[in-house]
Amino acid sequence: MTMSNQTSTVLVLLTVGDQAELVTDLHPKSAPLRVPAARIAEQAGLPANELPGRRFTVTRLTEDDANGFTLLNDPRR
């Protein structure tokens, strides 16, 4: 199943090394998606150490990747 060109919501569970583990519509807590934490941080505009526990929208979600991260409920705004 692929969900490209559709906005989806993801939750960053935690970061492990340079990877972030995400829970998505396609990836349950028991099998999270791993993507580079630096990519999320750059696209969302916040430090990588602040990613865990935050929710984002993504513009592209597949079984193997997610991209186009935007922070939801940004407390800085």
C-alpha atoms as a PDB file:
ATOM      1  CA  MET A   1       0.000   0.000   0.000  1.00  0.00           C
ATOM      2  CA  THR A   2       1.348   3.431  -0.929  1.00  0.00           C
ATOM      3  CA  MET A   3      -0.076   6.781   0.108  1.00  0.00           C
ATOM      4  CA  SER A   4       1.711   9.315  -2.065  1.00  0.00           C
ATOM      5  CA  ASN A   5       0.426  12.850  -2.748  1.00  0.00           C
ATOM      6  CA  GLN A   6      -1.863  12.687   0.289  1.00  0.00           C
ATOM      7  CA  THR A   7      -1.243  14.534   3.547  1.00  0.00           C
ATOM      8  CA  SER A   8      -0.838  12.160   6.476  1.00  0.00           C
ATOM      9  CA  THR A   9      -0.134  12.666  10.175  1.00  0.00           C
ATOM     10  CA  VAL A  10       2.855  11.008  11.847  1.00  0.00           C
ATOM     11  CA  LEU A  11       4.138  10.807  15.427  1.00  0.00           C
ATOM     12  CA  VAL A  12       7.847  10.670  16.253  1.00  0.00           C
ATOM     13  CA  LEU A  13       8.182   8.040  18.969  1.00  0.00           C
ATOM     14  CA  LEU A  14      11.879   8.522  19.575  1.00  0.00           C
ATOM     15  CA  THR A  15      15.219   9.067  17.948  1.00  0.00           C
ATOM     16  CA  VAL A  16      17.890   6.375  17.849  1.00  0.00           C
ATOM     17  CA  GLY A  17      21.262   7.644  16.691  1.00  0.00           C
ATOM     18  CA  ASP A  18      20.569   9.646  13.556  1.00  0.00           C
ATOM     19  CA  GLN A  19      17.210   7.939  12.865  1.00  0.00           C
ATOM     20  CA  ALA A  20      13.705   8.875  14.012  1.00  0.00           C
ATOM     21  CA  GLU A  21      11.076   6.190  14.577  1.00  0.00           C
ATOM     22  CA  LEU A  22       7.637   7.170  13.294  1.00  0.00           C
ATOM     23  CA  VAL A  23       4.149   5.831  13.898  1.00  0.00           C
ATOM     24  CA  THR A  24       1.991   6.384  10.808  1.00  0.00           C
ATOM     25  CA  ASP A  25      -1.161   5.038   9.181  1.00  0.00           C
ATOM     26  CA  LEU A  26       1.077   2.384   7.596  1.00  0.00           C
ATOM     27  CA  HIS A  27       3.444   1.802  10.545  1.00  0.00           C
ATOM     28  CA  PRO A  28       2.206   0.759  14.020  1.00  0.00           C
ATOM     29  CA  LYS A  29       4.210   1.223  17.245  1.00  0.00           C
ATOM     30  CA  SER A  30       5.347  -2.390  16.946  1.00  0.00           C
ATOM     31  CA  ALA A  31       6.937  -1.737  13.526  1.00  0.00           C
ATOM     32  CA  PRO A  32       7.745   1.992  13.228  1.00  0.00           C
ATOM     33  CA  LEU A  33       9.131   3.626  10.116  1.00  0.00           C
ATOM     34  CA  ARG A  34      12.724   4.858  10.427  1.00  0.00           C
ATOM     35  CA  VAL A  35      13.772   8.034   8.604  1.00  0.00           C
ATOM     36  CA  PRO A  36      16.710  10.417   9.078  1.00  0.00           C
ATOM     37  CA  ALA A  37      16.037  12.703  12.061  1.00  0.00           C
ATOM     38  CA  ALA A  38      18.035  15.479  10.386  1.00  0.00           C
ATOM     39  CA  ARG A  39      15.593  15.521   7.442  1.00  0.00           C
ATOM     40  CA  ILE A  40      12.603  15.989   9.740  1.00  0.00           C
ATOM     41  CA  ALA A  41      14.418  18.664  11.758  1.00  0.00           C
ATOM     42  CA  GLU A  42      15.419  20.592   8.639  1.00  0.00           C
ATOM     43  CA  GLN A  43      11.989  20.449   7.011  1.00  0.00           C
ATOM     44  CA  ALA A  44      10.085  21.270  10.222  1.00  0.00           C
ATOM     45  CA  GLY A  45      12.536  23.881  11.491  1.00  0.00           C
ATOM     46  CA  LEU A  46      13.326  22.554  14.933  1.00  0.00           C
ATOM     47  CA  PRO A  47      16.262  20.712  16.555  1.00  0.00           C
ATOM     48  CA  ALA A  48      16.453  16.936  16.169  1.00  0.00           C
ATOM     49  CA  ASN A  49      16.499  16.471  19.950  1.00  0.00           C
ATOM     50  CA  GLU A  50      13.007  18.052  20.101  1.00  0.00           C
ATOM     51  CA  LEU A  51      11.398  15.574  17.681  1.00  0.00           C
ATOM     52  CA  PRO A  52      10.280  12.782  20.067  1.00  0.00           C
ATOM     53  CA  GLY A  53       6.643  13.076  21.079  1.00  0.00           C
ATOM     54  CA  ARG A  54       5.774  15.596  18.362  1.00  0.00           C
ATOM     55  CA  ARG A  55       3.234  15.185  15.584  1.00  0.00           C
ATOM     56  CA  PHE A  56       3.827  16.245  11.998  1.00  0.00           C
ATOM     57  CA  THR A  57       2.007  16.209   8.707  1.00  0.00           C
ATOM     58  CA  VAL A  58       3.847  14.707   5.757  1.00  0.00           C
ATOM     59  CA  THR A  59       3.112  15.290   2.096  1.00  0.00           C
ATOM     60  CA  ARG A  60       4.456  11.894   1.042  1.00  0.00           C
ATOM     61  CA  LEU A  61       4.132   8.599   2.911  1.00  0.00           C
ATOM     62  CA  THR A  62       5.031   5.154   1.595  1.00  0.00           C
ATOM     63  CA  GLU A  63       5.865   1.847   3.233  1.00  0.00           C
ATOM     64  CA  ASP A  64       9.574   2.747   3.062  1.00  0.00           C
ATOM     65  CA  ASP A  65       9.753   6.525   3.511  1.00  0.00           C
ATOM     66  CA  ALA A  66       8.087   9.775   4.560  1.00  0.00           C
ATOM     67  CA  ASN A  67       8.868  13.296   3.381  1.00  0.00           C
ATOM     68  CA  GLY A  68       7.552  16.871   3.512  1.00  0.00           C
ATOM     69  CA  PHE A  69       7.380  17.269   7.306  1.00  0.00           C
ATOM     70  CA  THR A  70       5.440  20.151   8.904  1.00  0.00           C
ATOM     71  CA  LEU A  71       5.137  20.447  12.683  1.00  0.00           C
ATOM     72  CA  LEU A  72       1.599  20.352  14.047  1.00  0.00           C
ATOM     73  CA  ASN A  73       0.665  22.466  17.077  1.00  0.00           C
ATOM     74  CA  ASP A  74       3.889  24.439  17.061  1.00  0.00           C
ATOM     75  CA  PRO A  75       4.129  26.024  20.563  1.00  0.00           C
ATOM     76  CA  ARG A  76       6.465  28.704  19.196  1.00  0.00           C
ATOM     77  CA  ARG A  77       3.663  30.288  17.141  1.00  0.00           C
END
